Amino acid sequence: MRKKDSAERAAGQPATKVLKDGTTILVAPKPALKKEILRHKDVYLLLLIPFVYYIVFKYVPIFNAQIAFKDFRARDGVLGSAWIGFQNFTDFFSSFYFWELLRNTLMYSIGKILISLPVSIILAIAIYECTHYALRKTVQTLAYLPHFLSWVIMYGVLFALLSPSSGILNDIIKLFGGQPVDFLSSVKAFPWVVLLSDAWKEMGWSAIIFIAALMNIDVTLFEAAMVEGANSWQRVRYITFPSIKPVIVTVLLLKIGTILDAGFNQMYMLYSPQVYSVGDIIDTWVYRQGLLQFEFGLATAVGLFKGVIGMLLVVFSNKLVSKFSEGSSLF
């Protein structure tokens, strides 16, 4: 019987299978792998692009991660450079600036989460609740646009707004008799410029995933709530928020995993030596010390350190959320 079934499947004929209760069922033949690939060749070609990307840019560079444990010299290559163990890590952890860098990095990363996430959720709910089509589309477009602008352009916009000599905001301050403030060079004002400009730039793009989650909510829930006399705030509180809670948790988990990435492009464009004490983060320090001074081993060590910490944070936060919020974990 088994040889007959195998022959039938190889010939493309449906095979039969007898269950324990004696029932005979037909089993669809399994197409050959080559035929299956040729049949869906377009899909496999599309799949090939991200596959090659991850192989070339993610897995191949893992070989070079050993630079973190070596006194890397370009003329000696990766394999020829001297092995120094954890010396690069020790140099970074014992650096005079380590705690300052860690503080600044965490301050901006956590601050961006605390500001950007609620703002994105509020924007998504406002767009979803808006019944005026033209107004909704206009707000969406204006909110999405800053995301597609580079930080070079955003710096020009911020300079036009915040410049102590010709900035619009300082013109308003002087109009009311105040003294102009150099926001980009002030130790007190600079962190707020970073946090608020990031929220402004990314809130529209971040709101897309929440809008998609809102669109999946069963409208009959809102209709039933309106029949029961629930106002807009009560519908948001008891229907909208609980319905998108898994999405909020997922986004939060993903952000926690990159908590040591405070935004190199933004910081590099906005900071200056006057605000190094509050503006210098791990990435900018690595750029100056690692790349400009050709300390590639140190730069790799810090990158490896960030990657390991990020992975541990994702695993820990996922376990924590799984414990207190069933069905809201990443894996």
Protein backbone atom coordinates (compact mmCIF):
# COMPACT_ATOMS: atom_id res chain seq x y z
CA MET A 1 0.00 0.00 0.00
CA ARG A 2 2.80 2.45 0.90
CA LYS A 3 4.67 1.72 -2.36
CA LYS A 4 1.44 2.26 -4.30
CA ASP A 5 0.77 5.57 -2.53
CA SER A 6 4.31 6.74 -3.21
CA ALA A 7 3.96 5.85 -6.88
CA GLU A 8 0.63 7.65 -7.09
CA ARG A 9 2.06 10.78 -5.47
CA ALA A 10 5.08 10.74 -7.73
CA ALA A 11 2.74 10.47 -10.72
CA GLY A 12 0.69 13.39 -9.43
CA GLN A 13 -2.31 11.15 -8.61
CA PRO A 14 -4.19 11.54 -5.30
CA ALA A 15 -3.24 8.83 -2.81
CA THR A 16 -5.48 7.15 -0.28
CA LYS A 17 -5.00 6.86 3.47
CA VAL A 18 -6.84 4.56 5.84
CA LEU A 19 -7.58 6.00 9.28
CA LYS A 20 -7.72 3.98 12.51
CA ASP A 21 -11.50 3.76 12.33
CA GLY A 22 -11.26 2.22 8.87
CA THR A 23 -12.25 5.36 6.96
CA THR A 24 -10.44 5.89 3.69
CA ILE A 25 -9.57 9.44 2.69
CA LEU A 26 -7.84 10.98 -0.28
CA VAL A 27 -4.48 12.69 0.29
CA ALA A 28 -3.53 15.48 -2.09
CA PRO A 29 -0.26 14.78 -3.89
CA LYS A 30 2.78 16.80 -2.86
CA PRO A 31 4.20 18.71 -5.81
CA ALA A 32 7.90 18.41 -6.46
CA LEU A 33 10.02 21.15 -4.92
CA LYS A 34 11.36 22.29 -8.29
CA LYS A 35 7.86 22.57 -9.74
CA GLU A 36 6.68 24.41 -6.63
CA ILE A 37 9.49 26.97 -6.93
CA LEU A 38 8.89 27.47 -10.65
CA ARG A 39 5.18 27.88 -10.03
CA HIS A 40 5.75 30.66 -7.48
CA LYS A 41 9.00 32.03 -8.94
CA ASP A 42 7.84 35.65 -8.62
CA VAL A 43 7.29 35.26 -4.89
CA TYR A 44 10.66 33.56 -4.38
CA LEU A 45 12.41 36.30 -6.37
CA LEU A 46 10.87 38.92 -4.10
CA LEU A 47 11.89 36.87 -1.08
CA LEU A 48 15.44 36.69 -2.41
CA ILE A 49 15.96 40.46 -1.98
CA PRO A 50 15.59 40.61 1.84
CA PHE A 51 17.32 37.24 2.12
CA VAL A 52 20.43 38.53 0.35
CA TYR A 53 20.25 41.77 2.34
CA TYR A 54 20.31 39.97 5.69
CA ILE A 55 23.06 37.62 4.58
CA VAL A 56 25.32 40.39 3.28
CA PHE A 57 24.67 43.14 5.81
CA LYS A 58 23.69 41.20 8.96
CA TYR A 59 25.27 37.74 9.03
CA VAL A 60 28.52 38.27 7.13
CA PRO A 61 29.56 41.21 9.38
CA ILE A 62 29.22 38.94 12.41
CA PHE A 63 32.63 37.58 11.43
CA ASN A 64 34.08 41.05 11.97
CA ALA A 65 32.61 41.28 15.47
CA GLN A 66 35.87 39.77 16.71
CA ILE A 67 37.43 43.19 16.12
CA ALA A 68 35.92 44.14 19.48
CA PHE A 69 38.41 41.80 21.13
CA LYS A 70 41.44 42.86 19.10
CA ASP A 71 43.83 45.76 18.75
CA PHE A 72 42.67 46.22 15.17
CA ARG A 73 45.10 47.55 12.61
CA ALA A 74 43.92 47.92 9.02
CA ARG A 75 47.27 46.80 7.59
CA ASP A 76 47.12 43.56 9.61
CA GLY A 77 43.49 42.80 8.84
CA VAL A 78 40.93 41.16 11.10
CA LEU A 79 42.76 37.87 11.51
CA GLY A 80 46.23 39.39 11.77
CA SER A 81 45.47 41.96 14.49
CA ALA A 82 46.59 41.22 18.05
CA TRP A 83 44.07 39.67 20.43
CA ILE A 84 43.57 41.83 23.54
CA GLY A 85 40.47 40.22 25.05
CA PHE A 86 38.11 42.59 26.85
CA GLN A 87 40.52 45.53 26.86
CA ASN A 88 38.33 47.63 24.52
CA PHE A 89 35.33 47.06 26.78
CA THR A 90 37.39 47.95 29.85
CA ASP A 91 38.62 51.14 28.21
CA PHE A 92 35.07 52.19 27.43
CA PHE A 93 33.60 51.33 30.84
CA SER A 94 36.46 53.03 32.67
CA SER A 95 36.32 56.14 30.48
CA PHE A 96 35.76 59.44 32.25
CA TYR A 97 32.72 60.04 30.06
CA PHE A 98 31.06 56.62 30.37
CA TRP A 99 28.43 57.45 32.98
CA GLU A 100 27.70 60.81 31.39
CA LEU A 101 27.25 59.15 28.00
CA LEU A 102 25.03 56.42 29.46
CA ARG A 103 22.94 59.00 31.32
CA ASN A 104 22.42 61.14 28.25
CA THR A 105 21.62 58.16 26.03
CA LEU A 106 19.01 56.79 28.43
CA MET A 107 17.59 60.25 29.07
CA TYR A 108 16.91 60.86 25.39
CA SER A 109 15.78 57.31 24.61
CA ILE A 110 13.33 57.10 27.50
CA GLY A 111 12.25 60.72 27.01
CA LYS A 112 11.42 60.07 23.36
CA ILE A 113 9.33 57.05 24.33
CA LEU A 114 7.45 58.97 27.03
CA ILE A 115 6.72 61.88 24.70
CA SER A 116 6.48 60.40 21.21
CA LEU A 117 4.39 57.32 22.02
CA PRO A 118 1.49 59.12 23.75
CA VAL A 119 1.54 61.91 21.14
CA SER A 120 1.37 59.34 18.32
CA ILE A 121 -1.54 57.52 19.96
CA ILE A 122 -3.44 60.77 20.55
CA LEU A 123 -2.84 61.86 16.95
CA ALA A 124 -4.03 58.49 15.63
CA ILE A 125 -7.22 58.63 17.71
CA ALA A 126 -7.88 62.23 16.67
CA ILE A 127 -7.50 61.35 12.98
CA TYR A 128 -9.67 58.26 13.39
CA GLU A 129 -12.43 60.16 15.20
CA CYS A 130 -12.42 63.05 12.72
CA THR A 131 -15.49 62.88 10.49
CA HIS A 132 -14.45 65.65 8.07
CA TYR A 133 -12.69 63.85 5.21
CA ALA A 134 -10.72 66.81 3.83
CA LEU A 135 -9.53 67.90 7.28
CA ARG A 136 -8.50 64.34 8.17
CA LYS A 137 -6.44 63.90 5.00
CA THR A 138 -4.82 67.31 5.39
CA VAL A 139 -3.78 66.62 8.97
CA GLN A 140 -2.45 63.18 7.98
CA THR A 141 -0.35 64.62 5.16
CA LEU A 142 1.08 67.44 7.29
CA ALA A 143 1.84 65.02 10.13
CA TYR A 144 3.59 62.47 7.86
CA LEU A 145 5.67 65.00 5.91
CA PRO A 146 8.42 65.73 8.51
CA HIS A 147 9.34 62.04 8.70
CA PHE A 148 10.56 62.14 5.09
CA LEU A 149 12.82 65.14 5.72
CA SER A 150 16.42 64.47 6.71
CA TRP A 151 17.83 65.93 9.89
CA VAL A 152 19.94 68.25 7.74
CA ILE A 153 16.75 69.90 6.52
CA MET A 154 15.18 69.72 9.97
CA TYR A 155 18.20 71.52 11.40
CA GLY A 156 17.62 74.35 8.93
CA VAL A 157 13.97 74.54 10.00
CA LEU A 158 14.88 74.51 13.70
CA PHE A 159 17.57 77.14 13.17
CA ALA A 160 15.02 79.39 11.46
CA LEU A 161 12.72 78.92 14.45
CA LEU A 162 15.25 79.04 17.31
CA SER A 163 18.12 81.24 16.15
CA PRO A 164 18.91 83.86 18.85
CA SER A 165 19.36 86.59 16.21
CA SER A 166 16.72 85.88 13.58
CA GLY A 167 14.62 82.99 14.91
CA ILE A 168 10.85 83.34 14.88
CA LEU A 169 10.50 82.14 18.48
CA ASN A 170 13.09 84.62 19.75
CA ASP A 171 11.40 87.42 17.79
CA ILE A 172 8.23 86.64 19.75
CA ILE A 173 10.19 86.60 23.02
CA LYS A 174 11.75 89.99 22.23
CA LEU A 175 8.34 91.34 21.22
CA PHE A 176 7.16 90.77 24.80
CA GLY A 177 10.29 92.35 26.27
CA GLY A 178 12.27 89.17 26.98
CA GLN A 179 15.88 88.36 26.22
CA PRO A 180 16.68 86.05 23.28
CA VAL A 181 17.67 82.49 24.16
CA ASP A 182 20.19 80.40 22.23
CA PHE A 183 18.20 77.18 22.48
CA LEU A 184 20.73 75.06 20.57
CA SER A 185 23.63 76.12 22.82
CA SER A 186 21.81 76.24 26.16
CA VAL A 187 22.43 73.29 28.46
CA LYS A 188 18.94 73.64 29.95
CA ALA A 189 17.04 74.12 26.69
CA PHE A 190 18.91 71.71 24.41
CA PRO A 191 17.37 68.45 25.78
CA TRP A 192 13.87 69.83 25.23
CA VAL A 193 14.77 70.86 21.68
CA VAL A 194 15.91 67.29 20.98
CA LEU A 195 12.87 65.60 22.52
CA LEU A 196 10.23 67.90 21.07
CA SER A 197 11.78 68.05 17.59
CA ASP A 198 11.91 64.25 17.47
CA ALA A 199 8.26 64.03 18.52
CA TRP A 200 7.33 66.57 15.85
CA LYS A 201 9.25 64.75 13.14
CA GLU A 202 8.13 61.18 13.90
CA MET A 203 4.65 61.40 15.44
CA GLY A 204 2.83 61.21 12.10
CA TRP A 205 4.76 58.20 10.88
CA SER A 206 4.45 56.43 14.24
CA ALA A 207 0.70 57.03 14.23
CA ILE A 208 0.21 54.93 11.08
CA ILE A 209 0.37 51.61 12.92
CA PHE A 210 -2.12 52.83 15.53
CA ILE A 211 -4.49 54.08 12.83
CA ALA A 212 -4.31 50.64 11.21
CA ALA A 213 -5.13 49.04 14.57
CA LEU A 214 -8.06 51.43 15.05
CA MET A 215 -9.45 50.51 11.64
CA ASN A 216 -9.70 46.88 12.77
CA ILE A 217 -11.96 47.63 15.73
CA ASP A 218 -15.50 46.31 15.31
CA VAL A 219 -17.69 49.38 14.71
CA THR A 220 -20.65 47.64 16.33
CA LEU A 221 -18.91 48.15 19.68
CA PHE A 222 -19.03 51.93 19.21
CA GLU A 223 -22.64 51.75 18.02
CA ALA A 224 -23.65 49.74 21.08
CA ALA A 225 -21.80 52.19 23.34
CA MET A 226 -23.59 55.14 21.74
CA VAL A 227 -26.93 53.43 22.24
CA GLU A 228 -26.06 52.98 25.90
CA GLY A 229 -25.30 56.70 26.17
CA ALA A 230 -21.49 56.60 26.28
CA ASN A 231 -19.82 59.89 25.34
CA SER A 232 -16.72 60.24 23.15
CA TRP A 233 -14.25 60.04 26.04
CA GLN A 234 -15.93 56.94 27.47
CA ARG A 235 -15.83 55.22 24.07
CA VAL A 236 -12.12 55.98 23.77
CA ARG A 237 -11.43 54.84 27.33
CA TYR A 238 -13.43 51.61 27.36
CA ILE A 239 -13.29 50.52 23.70
CA THR A 240 -10.47 52.20 21.78
CA PHE A 241 -7.64 51.85 24.30
CA PRO A 242 -8.35 48.22 25.28
CA SER A 243 -8.68 47.27 21.59
CA ILE A 244 -5.29 48.69 20.57
CA LYS A 245 -3.51 47.69 23.77
CA PRO A 246 -1.63 44.74 22.14
CA VAL A 247 -0.32 47.07 19.42
CA ILE A 248 0.81 49.64 21.99
CA VAL A 249 2.63 46.94 23.95
CA THR A 250 4.31 45.61 20.80
CA VAL A 251 5.52 49.08 19.77
CA LEU A 252 6.76 49.71 23.30
CA LEU A 253 8.69 46.43 23.30
CA LEU A 254 10.35 47.28 20.00
CA LYS A 255 11.35 50.70 21.29
CA ILE A 256 12.76 49.22 24.50
CA GLY A 257 14.97 46.95 22.42
CA THR A 258 16.63 50.00 20.86
CA ILE A 259 16.81 52.04 24.04
CA LEU A 260 20.55 52.63 23.60
CA ASP A 261 19.96 54.16 20.16
CA ALA A 262 19.18 57.77 21.02
CA GLY A 263 19.33 59.00 17.41
CA PHE A 264 22.81 59.63 16.06
CA ASN A 265 21.71 61.65 13.02
CA GLN A 266 19.65 64.04 15.08
CA MET A 267 22.26 64.53 17.79
CA TYR A 268 25.10 64.93 15.31
CA MET A 269 23.24 67.70 13.49
CA LEU A 270 22.00 69.57 16.58
CA TYR A 271 24.72 69.32 19.22
CA SER A 272 27.88 71.40 19.61
CA PRO A 273 30.82 71.47 22.08
CA GLN A 274 28.84 73.90 24.28
CA VAL A 275 26.25 71.20 25.05
CA TYR A 276 28.46 68.09 25.12
CA SER A 277 27.61 67.61 28.81
CA VAL A 278 23.92 67.02 27.95
CA GLY A 279 24.11 66.26 24.23
CA ASP A 280 26.88 63.72 23.88
CA ILE A 281 25.53 60.17 23.59
CA ILE A 282 27.22 56.82 23.08
CA ASP A 283 26.93 56.95 19.28
CA THR A 284 28.41 60.43 18.91
CA TRP A 285 31.26 59.55 21.28
CA VAL A 286 32.00 56.41 19.29
CA TYR A 287 32.00 58.45 16.09
CA ARG A 288 34.60 60.85 17.46
CA GLN A 289 36.74 58.40 19.37
CA GLY A 290 36.28 55.35 17.20
CA LEU A 291 36.06 56.56 13.64
CA LEU A 292 37.80 59.93 13.61
CA GLN A 293 40.70 58.53 15.65
CA PHE A 294 40.61 55.14 13.87
CA GLU A 295 39.90 53.16 17.05
CA PHE A 296 37.83 50.56 15.20
CA GLY A 297 38.17 47.98 17.96
CA LEU A 298 36.67 50.38 20.48
CA ALA A 299 33.81 51.28 18.14
CA THR A 300 33.03 47.61 17.50
CA ALA A 301 33.15 46.82 21.22
CA VAL A 302 30.62 49.53 22.00
CA GLY A 303 28.37 48.38 19.14
CA LEU A 304 28.51 44.81 20.42
CA PHE A 305 27.75 46.03 23.94
CA LYS A 306 24.68 47.92 22.68
CA GLY A 307 23.47 44.90 20.71
CA VAL A 308 23.71 42.52 23.67
CA ILE A 309 22.00 44.97 26.03
CA GLY A 310 19.23 45.56 23.48
CA MET A 311 18.62 41.84 23.07
CA LEU A 312 18.46 41.31 26.85
CA LEU A 313 16.04 44.22 27.22
CA VAL A 314 13.71 42.82 24.57
CA VAL A 315 13.70 39.35 26.16
CA PHE A 316 13.18 40.75 29.67
CA SER A 317 10.42 43.17 28.69
CA ASN A 318 8.68 40.47 26.65
CA LYS A 319 8.68 38.10 29.63
CA LEU A 320 7.43 40.85 31.92
CA VAL A 321 4.58 41.87 29.63
CA SER A 322 3.63 38.24 28.99
CA LYS A 323 3.28 37.76 32.72
CA PHE A 324 0.98 40.72 33.32
CA SER A 325 -0.74 41.02 29.94
CA GLU A 326 -1.73 37.73 28.37
CA GLY A 327 -1.44 37.59 24.61
CA SER A 328 0.55 40.82 24.30
CA SER A 329 4.07 39.47 23.89
CA LEU A 330 6.28 39.44 20.84
CA PHE A 331 7.14 35.74 21.00
